[in-house]
PDB file of all heavy atoms in Angstrom:
ATOM      1  N   THR A   1     105.467  92.704  87.777  1.00  0.00           N
ATOM      2  CA  THR A   1     104.199  92.731  88.671  1.00  0.00           C
ATOM      3  C   THR A   1     104.364  93.374  89.947  1.00  0.00           C
ATOM      4  O   THR A   1     103.549  94.084  90.421  1.00  0.00           O
ATOM      5  CB  THR A   1     103.753  91.346  88.787  1.00  0.00           C
ATOM      6  OG1 THR A   1     103.582  90.701  87.532  1.00  0.00           O
ATOM      7  CG2 THR A   1     102.407  91.245  89.453  1.00  0.00           C
ATOM      8  N   ALA A   2     105.515  93.201  90.523  1.00  0.00           N
ATOM      9  CA  ALA A   2     105.804  93.773  91.834  1.00  0.00           C
ATOM     10  C   ALA A   2     105.897  95.301  91.765  1.00  0.00           C
ATOM     11  O   ALA A   2     105.229  95.987  92.630  1.00  0.00           O
ATOM     12  CB  ALA A   2     107.201  93.244  92.301  1.00  0.00           C
ATOM     13  N   GLN A   3     106.453  95.763  90.644  1.00  0.00           N
ATOM     14  CA  GLN A   3     106.456  97.229  90.500  1.00  0.00           C
ATOM     15  C   GLN A   3     105.108  97.891  90.354  1.00  0.00           C
ATOM     16  O   GLN A   3     104.898  98.959  90.764  1.00  0.00           O
ATOM     17  CB  GLN A   3     107.367  97.601  89.173  1.00  0.00           C
ATOM     18  CG  GLN A   3     108.809  97.251  89.388  1.00  0.00           C
ATOM     19  CD  GLN A   3     109.570  97.354  88.121  1.00  0.00           C
ATOM     20  OE1 GLN A   3     109.027  97.224  87.049  1.00  0.00           O
ATOM     21  NE2 GLN A   3     110.931  97.435  88.292  1.00  0.00           N
ATOM     22  N   ILE A   4     104.190  97.110  89.774  1.00  0.00           N
ATOM     23  CA  ILE A   4     102.780  97.621  89.779  1.00  0.00           C
ATOM     24  C   ILE A   4     102.102  97.580  91.066  1.00  0.00           C
ATOM     25  O   ILE A   4     101.436  98.483  91.575  1.00  0.00           O
ATOM     26  CB  ILE A   4     101.968  96.902  88.599  1.00  0.00           C
ATOM     27  CG1 ILE A   4     102.596  97.114  87.287  1.00  0.00           C
ATOM     28  CG2 ILE A   4     100.451  97.254  88.675  1.00  0.00           C
ATOM     29  CD1 ILE A   4     102.012  96.185  86.151  1.00  0.00           C
ATOM     30  N   MET A   5     102.214  96.377  91.734  1.00  0.00           N
ATOM     31  CA  MET A   5     101.498  96.170  92.944  1.00  0.00           C
ATOM     32  C   MET A   5     102.072  96.952  94.085  1.00  0.00           C
ATOM     33  O   MET A   5     101.298  97.152  95.071  1.00  0.00           O
ATOM     34  CB  MET A   5     101.417  94.624  93.280  1.00  0.00           C
ATOM     35  CG  MET A   5     100.742  93.807  92.275  1.00  0.00           C
ATOM     36  SD  MET A   5     100.559  92.044  92.853  1.00  0.00           S
ATOM     37  CE  MET A   5      99.501  92.087  94.244  1.00  0.00           C
ATOM     38  N   ALA A   6     103.257  97.429  93.989  1.00  0.00           N
ATOM     39  CA  ALA A   6     103.894  98.229  95.041  1.00  0.00           C
ATOM     40  C   ALA A   6     103.096  99.545  95.267  1.00  0.00           C
ATOM     41  O   ALA A   6     103.223 100.108  96.365  1.00  0.00           O
ATOM     42  CB  ALA A   6     105.297  98.597  94.611  1.00  0.00           C
ATOM     43  N   ALA A   7     102.157 100.005  94.416  1.00  0.00           N
ATOM     44  CA  ALA A   7     101.428 101.191  94.541  1.00  0.00           C
ATOM     45  C   ALA A   7     100.509 101.011  95.749  1.00  0.00           C
ATOM     46  O   ALA A   7     100.187 102.035  96.417  1.00  0.00           O
ATOM     47  CB  ALA A   7     100.689 101.560  93.293  1.00  0.00           C
ATOM     48  N   ASP A   8     100.028  99.811  96.013  1.00  0.00           N
ATOM     49  CA  ASP A   8      99.066  99.713  97.128  1.00  0.00           C
ATOM     50  C   ASP A   8      99.318  98.466  97.988  1.00  0.00           C
ATOM     51  O   ASP A   8      98.368  98.007  98.730  1.00  0.00           O
ATOM     52  CB  ASP A   8      97.590  99.706  96.554  1.00  0.00           C
ATOM     53  CG  ASP A   8      97.439  98.808  95.467  1.00  0.00           C
ATOM     54  OD1 ASP A   8      98.290  97.965  95.195  1.00  0.00           O
ATOM     55  OD2 ASP A   8      96.300  98.774  94.845  1.00  0.00           O
ATOM     56  N   HIS A   9     100.462  97.884  97.919  1.00  0.00           N
ATOM     57  CA  HIS A   9     100.787  96.752  98.715  1.00  0.00           C
ATOM     58  C   HIS A   9     102.294  96.952  99.273  1.00  0.00           C
ATOM     59  O   HIS A   9     103.117  97.455  98.553  1.00  0.00           O
ATOM     60  CB  HIS A   9     100.754  95.455  97.969  1.00  0.00           C
ATOM     61  CG  HIS A   9      99.365  95.110  97.646  1.00  0.00           C
ATOM     62  ND1 HIS A   9      98.671  95.434  96.537  1.00  0.00           N
ATOM     63  CD2 HIS A   9      98.468  94.082  98.235  1.00  0.00           C
ATOM     64  CE1 HIS A   9      97.551  94.867  96.482  1.00  0.00           C
ATOM     65  NE2 HIS A   9      97.388  94.067  97.487  1.00  0.00           N
ATOM     66  N   HIS A  10     102.518  96.385 100.440  1.00  0.00           N
ATOM     67  CA  HIS A  10     103.873  96.168 100.824  1.00  0.00           C
ATOM     68  C   HIS A  10     104.148  94.754 100.250  1.00  0.00           C
ATOM     69  O   HIS A  10     103.467  93.759 100.380  1.00  0.00           O
ATOM     70  CB  HIS A  10     104.015  96.050 102.423  1.00  0.00           C
ATOM     71  CG  HIS A  10     105.324  95.608 102.837  1.00  0.00           C
ATOM     72  ND1 HIS A  10     106.496  96.307 102.799  1.00  0.00           N
ATOM     73  CD2 HIS A  10     105.707  94.400 103.414  1.00  0.00           C
ATOM     74  CE1 HIS A  10     107.563  95.621 103.163  1.00  0.00           C
ATOM     75  NE2 HIS A  10     107.137  94.473 103.540  1.00  0.00           N
ATOM     76  N   LEU A  11     105.468  94.681  99.757  1.00  0.00           N
ATOM     77  CA  LEU A  11     105.702  93.505  98.941  1.00  0.00           C
ATOM     78  C   LEU A  11     106.819  92.599  99.614  1.00  0.00           C
ATOM     79  O   LEU A  11     107.744  93.087 100.219  1.00  0.00           O
ATOM     80  CB  LEU A  11     106.234  93.752  97.605  1.00  0.00           C
ATOM     81  CG  LEU A  11     105.305  94.553  96.687  1.00  0.00           C
ATOM     82  CD1 LEU A  11     105.857  94.894  95.330  1.00  0.00           C
ATOM     83  CD2 LEU A  11     104.096  93.691  96.399  1.00  0.00           C
ATOM     84  N   VAL A  12     106.644  91.325  99.571  1.00  0.00           N
ATOM     85  CA  VAL A  12     107.591  90.277 100.066  1.00  0.00           C
ATOM     86  C   VAL A  12     107.938  89.621  98.747  1.00  0.00           C
ATOM     87  O   VAL A  12     107.172  88.800  98.197  1.00  0.00           O
ATOM     88  CB  VAL A  12     107.207  89.377 101.084  1.00  0.00           C
ATOM     89  CG1 VAL A  12     108.190  88.346 101.451  1.00  0.00           C
ATOM     90  CG2 VAL A  12     106.715  90.144 102.358  1.00  0.00           C
ATOM     91  N   LEU A  13     109.156  89.741  98.334  1.00  0.00           N
ATOM     92  CA  LEU A  13     109.680  89.005  97.138  1.00  0.00           C
ATOM     93  C   LEU A  13     110.457  87.860  97.624  1.00  0.00           C
ATOM     94  O   LEU A  13     111.106  87.820  98.583  1.00  0.00           O
ATOM     95  CB  LEU A  13     110.656  89.942  96.334  1.00  0.00           C
ATOM     96  CG  LEU A  13     110.101  91.349  95.978  1.00  0.00           C
ATOM     97  CD1 LEU A  13     111.164  92.041  95.081  1.00  0.00           C
ATOM     98  CD2 LEU A  13     108.723  91.223  95.254  1.00  0.00           C
ATOM     99  N   THR A  14     110.374  86.711  96.781  1.00  0.00           N
ATOM    100  CA  THR A  14     111.184  85.538  97.042  1.00  0.00           C
ATOM    101  C   THR A  14     111.697  84.882  95.828  1.00  0.00           C
ATOM    102  O   THR A  14     111.083  85.095  94.657  1.00  0.00           O
ATOM    103  CB  THR A  14     110.353  84.505  97.863  1.00  0.00           C
ATOM    104  OG1 THR A  14     111.248  83.447  98.177  1.00  0.00           O
ATOM    105  CG2 THR A  14     109.227  83.921  96.960  1.00  0.00           C
ATOM    106  N   ASP A  15     112.809  84.388  95.887  1.00  0.00           N
ATOM    107  CA  ASP A  15     113.521  83.838  94.715  1.00  0.00           C
ATOM    108  C   ASP A  15     114.790  83.190  95.437  1.00  0.00           C
ATOM    109  O   ASP A  15     115.003  83.162  96.536  1.00  0.00           O
ATOM    110  CB  ASP A  15     113.911  84.805  93.680  1.00  0.00           C
ATOM    111  CG  ASP A  15     113.871  84.224  92.242  1.00  0.00           C
ATOM    112  OD1 ASP A  15     114.282  83.107  92.112  1.00  0.00           O
ATOM    113  OD2 ASP A  15     113.405  84.973  91.333  1.00  0.00           O
ATOM    114  N   LEU A  16     115.769  82.688  94.499  1.00  0.00           N
ATOM    115  CA  LEU A  16     116.979  82.045  94.989  1.00  0.00           C
ATOM    116  C   LEU A  16     118.141  82.931  94.933  1.00  0.00           C
ATOM    117  O   LEU A  16     119.151  82.569  95.661  1.00  0.00           O
ATOM    118  CB  LEU A  16     117.233  80.767  94.187  1.00  0.00           C
ATOM    119  CG  LEU A  16     116.237  79.637  94.359  1.00  0.00           C
ATOM    120  CD1 LEU A  16     116.617  78.604  93.248  1.00  0.00           C
ATOM    121  CD2 LEU A  16     116.318  78.999  95.756  1.00  0.00           C
ATOM    122  N   ASP A  17     118.160  84.016  94.274  1.00  0.00           N
ATOM    123  CA  ASP A  17     119.326  84.950  94.046  1.00  0.00           C
ATOM    124  C   ASP A  17     119.280  86.045  94.994  1.00  0.00           C
ATOM    125  O   ASP A  17     118.524  86.911  94.765  1.00  0.00           O
ATOM    126  CB  ASP A  17     119.346  85.248  92.627  1.00  0.00           C
ATOM    127  CG  ASP A  17     120.649  86.017  92.207  1.00  0.00           C
ATOM    128  OD1 ASP A  17     121.240  86.646  93.067  1.00  0.00           O
ATOM    129  OD2 ASP A  17     121.133  85.865  91.114  1.00  0.00           O
ATOM    130  N   ASP A  18     120.122  86.029  96.011  1.00  0.00           N
ATOM    131  CA  ASP A  18     120.119  87.165  96.940  1.00  0.00           C
ATOM    132  C   ASP A  18     120.403  88.447  96.319  1.00  0.00           C
ATOM    133  O   ASP A  18     119.793  89.451  96.590  1.00  0.00           O
ATOM    134  CB  ASP A  18     121.157  86.777  98.073  1.00  0.00           C
ATOM    135  CG  ASP A  18     121.162  87.742  99.232  1.00  0.00           C
ATOM    136  OD1 ASP A  18     121.666  88.908  99.060  1.00  0.00           O
ATOM    137  OD2 ASP A  18     120.728  87.352 100.372  1.00  0.00           O
ATOM    138  N   ALA A  19     121.434  88.499  95.537  1.00  0.00           N
ATOM    139  CA  ALA A  19     121.846  89.862  94.818  1.00  0.00           C
ATOM    140  C   ALA A  19     120.728  90.313  93.994  1.00  0.00           C
ATOM    141  O   ALA A  19     120.442  91.549  93.960  1.00  0.00           O
ATOM    142  CB  ALA A  19     123.136  89.597  94.120  1.00  0.00           C
ATOM    143  N   ALA A  20     120.134  89.489  93.226  1.00  0.00           N
ATOM    144  CA  ALA A  20     119.021  89.871  92.417  1.00  0.00           C
ATOM    145  C   ALA A  20     117.892  90.355  93.189  1.00  0.00           C
ATOM    146  O   ALA A  20     117.164  91.370  92.798  1.00  0.00           O
ATOM    147  CB  ALA A  20     118.590  88.763  91.451  1.00  0.00           C
ATOM    148  N   LEU A  21     117.575  89.756  94.268  1.00  0.00           N
ATOM    149  CA  LEU A  21     116.548  90.177  95.172  1.00  0.00           C
ATOM    150  C   LEU A  21     116.758  91.538  95.734  1.00  0.00           C
ATOM    151  O   LEU A  21     115.940  92.444  95.869  1.00  0.00           O
ATOM    152  CB  LEU A  21     116.126  89.132  96.279  1.00  0.00           C
ATOM    153  CG  LEU A  21     115.458  87.869  95.800  1.00  0.00           C
ATOM    154  CD1 LEU A  21     115.524  86.751  96.752  1.00  0.00           C
ATOM    155  CD2 LEU A  21     113.959  88.184  95.462  1.00  0.00           C
ATOM    156  N   THR A  22     118.022  91.767  96.269  1.00  0.00           N
ATOM    157  CA  THR A  22     118.422  92.968  96.711  1.00  0.00           C
ATOM    158  C   THR A  22     118.201  94.153  95.743  1.00  0.00           C
ATOM    159  O   THR A  22     117.616  95.159  96.067  1.00  0.00           O
ATOM    160  CB  THR A  22     119.912  92.918  97.191  1.00  0.00           C
ATOM    161  OG1 THR A  22     120.051  91.981  98.149  1.00  0.00           O
ATOM    162  CG2 THR A  22     120.309  94.262  97.723  1.00  0.00           C
ATOM    163  N   ALA A  23     118.590  93.836  94.568  1.00  0.00           N
ATOM    164  CA  ALA A  23     118.429  94.890  93.410  1.00  0.00           C
ATOM    165  C   ALA A  23     117.052  95.157  93.154  1.00  0.00           C
ATOM    166  O   ALA A  23     116.496  96.296  92.943  1.00  0.00           O
ATOM    167  CB  ALA A  23     119.048  94.367  92.129  1.00  0.00           C
ATOM    168  N   ALA A  24     116.150  94.105  93.229  1.00  0.00           N
ATOM    169  CA  ALA A  24     114.743  94.236  92.965  1.00  0.00           C
ATOM    170  C   ALA A  24     114.097  95.131  94.052  1.00  0.00           C
ATOM    171  O   ALA A  24     113.281  96.033  93.801  1.00  0.00           O
ATOM    172  CB  ALA A  24     114.034  92.894  92.916  1.00  0.00           C
ATOM    173  N   VAL A  25     114.438  94.886  95.317  1.00  0.00           N
ATOM    174  CA  VAL A  25     113.857  95.704  96.392  1.00  0.00           C
ATOM    175  C   VAL A  25     114.267  97.157  96.156  1.00  0.00           C
ATOM    176  O   VAL A  25     113.492  98.042  96.391  1.00  0.00           O
ATOM    177  CB  VAL A  25     114.314  95.076  97.763  1.00  0.00           C
ATOM    178  CG1 VAL A  25     114.033  96.098  98.926  1.00  0.00           C
ATOM    179  CG2 VAL A  25     113.676  93.804  98.022  1.00  0.00           C
ATOM    180  N   GLU A  26     115.493  97.380  95.776  1.00  0.00           N
ATOM    181  CA  GLU A  26     116.013  98.718  95.666  1.00  0.00           C
ATOM    182  C   GLU A  26     115.224  99.403  94.485  1.00  0.00           C
ATOM    183  O   GLU A  26     114.928 100.612  94.645  1.00  0.00           O
ATOM    184  CB  GLU A  26     117.477  98.696  95.300  1.00  0.00           C
ATOM    185  CG  GLU A  26     118.352  98.324  96.489  1.00  0.00           C
ATOM    186  CD  GLU A  26     119.847  98.129  96.155  1.00  0.00           C
ATOM    187  OE1 GLU A  26     120.208  98.198  94.888  1.00  0.00           O
ATOM    188  OE2 GLU A  26     120.688  97.983  97.084  1.00  0.00           O
ATOM    189  N   GLN A  27     114.923  98.674  93.443  1.00  0.00           N
ATOM    190  CA  GLN A  27     114.101  99.277  92.431  1.00  0.00           C
ATOM    191  C   GLN A  27     112.726  99.658  92.824  1.00  0.00           C
ATOM    192  O   GLN A  27     112.230 100.781  92.586  1.00  0.00           O
ATOM    193  CB  GLN A  27     113.817  98.328  91.145  1.00  0.00           C
ATOM    194  CG  GLN A  27     115.289  98.129  90.319  1.00  0.00           C
ATOM    195  CD  GLN A  27     115.004  97.154  89.173  1.00  0.00           C
ATOM    196  OE1 GLN A  27     113.932  97.256  88.495  1.00  0.00           O
ATOM    197  NE2 GLN A  27     115.836  96.238  89.028  1.00  0.00           N
ATOM    198  N   ILE A  28     112.110  98.810  93.649  1.00  0.00           N
ATOM    199  CA  ILE A  28     110.797  99.115  94.031  1.00  0.00           C
ATOM    200  C   ILE A  28     110.829 100.380  95.043  1.00  0.00           C
ATOM    201  O   ILE A  28     109.910 101.179  95.014  1.00  0.00           O
ATOM    202  CB  ILE A  28     110.167  97.895  94.766  1.00  0.00           C
ATOM    203  CG1 ILE A  28     109.873  96.776  93.704  1.00  0.00           C
ATOM    204  CG2 ILE A  28     108.904  98.233  95.575  1.00  0.00           C
ATOM    205  CD1 ILE A  28     109.616  95.448  94.296  1.00  0.00           C
ATOM    206  N   GLU A  29     111.702 100.440  95.930  1.00  0.00           N
ATOM    207  CA  GLU A  29     111.853 101.468  96.817  1.00  0.00           C
ATOM    208  C   GLU A  29     112.187 102.834  96.153  1.00  0.00           C
ATOM    209  O   GLU A  29     111.770 103.894  96.550  1.00  0.00           O
ATOM    210  CB  GLU A  29     112.889 101.124  97.913  1.00  0.00           C
ATOM    211  CG  GLU A  29     112.501  99.992  98.900  1.00  0.00           C
ATOM    212  CD  GLU A  29     113.567  99.580  99.910  1.00  0.00           C
ATOM    213  OE1 GLU A  29     114.758  99.995  99.676  1.00  0.00           O
ATOM    214  OE2 GLU A  29     113.153  99.014 100.937  1.00  0.00           O
ATOM    215  N   ALA A  30     112.963 102.720  95.094  1.00  0.00           N
ATOM    216  CA  ALA A  30     113.247 103.960  94.277  1.00  0.00           C
ATOM    217  C   ALA A  30     112.006 104.539  93.642  1.00  0.00           C
ATOM    218  O   ALA A  30     111.913 105.696  93.408  1.00  0.00           O
ATOM    219  CB  ALA A  30     114.330 103.563  93.226  1.00  0.00           C
ATOM    220  N   LEU A  31     110.997 103.621  93.438  1.00  0.00           N
ATOM    221  CA  LEU A  31     109.750 104.099  92.825  1.00  0.00           C
ATOM    222  C   LEU A  31     108.724 104.485  93.979  1.00  0.00           C
ATOM    223  O   LEU A  31     107.633 104.864  93.598  1.00  0.00           O
ATOM    224  CB  LEU A  31     109.151 102.973  92.047  1.00  0.00           C
ATOM    225  CG  LEU A  31     109.869 102.482  90.789  1.00  0.00           C
ATOM    226  CD1 LEU A  31     109.248 101.274  90.168  1.00  0.00           C
ATOM    227  CD2 LEU A  31     109.878 103.699  89.685  1.00  0.00           C
ATOM    228  N   GLY A  32     109.153 104.474  95.135  1.00  0.00           N
ATOM    229  CA  GLY A  32     108.309 104.898  96.201  1.00  0.00           C
ATOM    230  C   GLY A  32     107.573 103.809  96.979  1.00  0.00           C
ATOM    231  O   GLY A  32     106.743 104.096  97.904  1.00  0.00           O
ATOM    232  N   GLY A  33     107.845 102.630  96.616  1.00  0.00           N
ATOM    233  CA  GLY A  33     107.181 101.516  97.223  1.00  0.00           C
ATOM    234  C   GLY A  33     107.901 100.890  98.438  1.00  0.00           C
ATOM    235  O   GLY A  33     109.029 101.415  98.784  1.00  0.00           O
ATOM    236  N   SER A  34     107.350  99.907  98.982  1.00  0.00           N
ATOM    237  CA  SER A  34     108.077  99.343 100.207  1.00  0.00           C
ATOM    238  C   SER A  34     108.115  97.828  99.920  1.00  0.00           C
ATOM    239  O   SER A  34     107.202  97.152  99.484  1.00  0.00           O
ATOM    240  CB  SER A  34     107.288  99.560 101.554  1.00  0.00           C
ATOM    241  OG  SER A  34     105.974  99.040 101.583  1.00  0.00           O
ATOM    242  N   ALA A  35     109.287  97.206 100.226  1.00  0.00           N
ATOM    243  CA  ALA A  35     109.440  95.838  99.972  1.00  0.00           C
ATOM    244  C   ALA A  35     110.507  95.234 100.868  1.00  0.00           C
ATOM    245  O   ALA A  35     111.379  95.955 101.319  1.00  0.00           O
ATOM    246  CB  ALA A  35     109.800  95.593  98.475  1.00  0.00           C
ATOM    247  N   GLU A  36     110.543  93.922 100.867  1.00  0.00           N
ATOM    248  CA  GLU A  36     111.536  93.092 101.602  1.00  0.00           C
ATOM    249  C   GLU A  36     111.671  91.858 100.769  1.00  0.00           C
ATOM    250  O   GLU A  36     110.837  91.549  99.906  1.00  0.00           O
ATOM    251  CB  GLU A  36     111.214  92.882 103.001  1.00  0.00           C
ATOM    252  CG  GLU A  36     109.820  92.049 103.167  1.00  0.00           C
ATOM    253  CD  GLU A  36     109.482  92.013 104.646  1.00  0.00           C
ATOM    254  OE1 GLU A  36     109.999  91.173 105.423  1.00  0.00           O
ATOM    255  OE2 GLU A  36     108.704  92.904 105.139  1.00  0.00           O
ATOM    256  N   TYR A  37     112.657  91.050 101.056  1.00  0.00           N
ATOM    257  CA  TYR A  37     112.758  89.767 100.447  1.00  0.00           C
ATOM    258  C   TYR A  37     113.146  88.597 101.381  1.00  0.00           C
ATOM    259  O   TYR A  37     113.709  88.852 102.462  1.00  0.00           O
ATOM    260  CB  TYR A  37     113.701  89.808  99.235  1.00  0.00           C
ATOM    261  CG  TYR A  37     115.261  89.986  99.681  1.00  0.00           C
ATOM    262  CD1 TYR A  37     115.942  88.770  99.865  1.00  0.00           C
ATOM    263  CD2 TYR A  37     115.813  91.137  99.757  1.00  0.00           C
ATOM    264  CE1 TYR A  37     117.332  88.787 100.164  1.00  0.00           C
ATOM    265  CE2 TYR A  37     117.164  91.247 100.034  1.00  0.00           C
ATOM    266  CZ  TYR A  37     117.923  90.096 100.260  1.00  0.00           C
ATOM    267  OH  TYR A  37     119.225  90.126 100.578  1.00  0.00           O
ATOM    268  N   VAL A  38     112.872  87.375 100.910  1.00  0.00           N
ATOM    269  CA  VAL A  38     113.217  86.215 101.628  1.00  0.00           C
ATOM    270  C   VAL A  38     113.827  85.314 100.574  1.00  0.00           C
ATOM    271  O   VAL A  38     113.032  84.926  99.631  1.00  0.00           O
ATOM    272  CB  VAL A  38     112.046  85.558 102.278  1.00  0.00           C
ATOM    273  CG1 VAL A  38     112.478  84.166 102.994  1.00  0.00           C
ATOM    274  CG2 VAL A  38     111.355  86.549 103.306  1.00  0.00           C
ATOM    275  N   VAL A  39     115.024  84.826 100.667  1.00  0.00           N
ATOM    276  CA  VAL A  39     115.618  83.849  99.817  1.00  0.00           C
ATOM    277  C   VAL A  39     114.967  82.496 100.186  1.00  0.00           C
ATOM    278  O   VAL A  39     114.957  82.069 101.344  1.00  0.00           O
ATOM    279  CB  VAL A  39     117.080  83.756  99.901  1.00  0.00           C
ATOM    280  CG1 VAL A  39     117.655  82.584  99.039  1.00  0.00           C
ATOM    281  CG2 VAL A  39     117.722  85.140  99.502  1.00  0.00           C
ATOM    282  N   ALA A  40     114.354  81.800  99.195  1.00  0.00           N
ATOM    283  CA  ALA A  40     113.669  80.569  99.522  1.00  0.00           C
ATOM    284  C   ALA A  40     113.598  79.672  98.274  1.00  0.00           C
ATOM    285  O   ALA A  40     113.439  80.205  97.225  1.00  0.00           O
ATOM    286  CB  ALA A  40     112.223  80.855  99.994  1.00  0.00           C
ATOM    287  N   ASP A  41     113.654  78.423  98.458  1.00  0.00           N
ATOM    288  CA  ASP A  41     113.417  77.380  97.445  1.00  0.00           C
ATOM    289  C   ASP A  41     112.033  76.900  97.470  1.00  0.00           C
ATOM    290  O   ASP A  41     111.584  76.245  98.563  1.00  0.00           O
ATOM    291  CB  ASP A  41     114.411  76.211  97.663  1.00  0.00           C
ATOM    292  CG  ASP A  41     114.332  75.108  96.677  1.00  0.00           C
ATOM    293  OD1 ASP A  41     113.398  75.098  95.866  1.00  0.00           O
ATOM    294  OD2 ASP A  41     115.216  74.260  96.790  1.00  0.00           O
ATOM    295  N   ILE A  42     111.199  77.102  96.546  1.00  0.00           N
ATOM    296  CA  ILE A  42     109.829  76.728  96.574  1.00  0.00           C
ATOM    297  C   ILE A  42     109.537  75.211  96.563  1.00  0.00           C
ATOM    298  O   ILE A  42     108.455  74.744  96.830  1.00  0.00           O
ATOM    299  CB  ILE A  42     108.887  77.413  95.509  1.00  0.00           C
ATOM    300  CG1 ILE A  42     109.472  76.967  94.132  1.00  0.00           C
ATOM    301  CG2 ILE A  42     108.932  78.956  95.719  1.00  0.00           C
ATOM    302  CD1 ILE A  42     108.454  77.362  93.007  1.00  0.00           C
ATOM    303  N   THR A  43     110.636  74.445  96.225  1.00  0.00           N
ATOM    304  CA  THR A  43     110.492  73.016  96.211  1.00  0.00           C
ATOM    305  C   THR A  43     110.477  72.456  97.704  1.00  0.00           C
ATOM    306  O   THR A  43     110.152  71.396  97.895  1.00  0.00           O
ATOM    307  CB  THR A  43     111.474  72.244  95.375  1.00  0.00           C
ATOM    308  OG1 THR A  43     112.788  72.431  96.057  1.00  0.00           O
ATOM    309  CG2 THR A  43     111.546  72.871  93.957  1.00  0.00           C
TER     310      THR A  43
END
């Protein structure tokens, strides 16, 4: 979903895995989007 929404949104991704989030941001940026992440526990 993030890869689609990156076309017209700046994205803030959140999850528990720092390394996976880093990789996700890199994927989005490679596609020309902009993103950042915050490691967070939604509970």
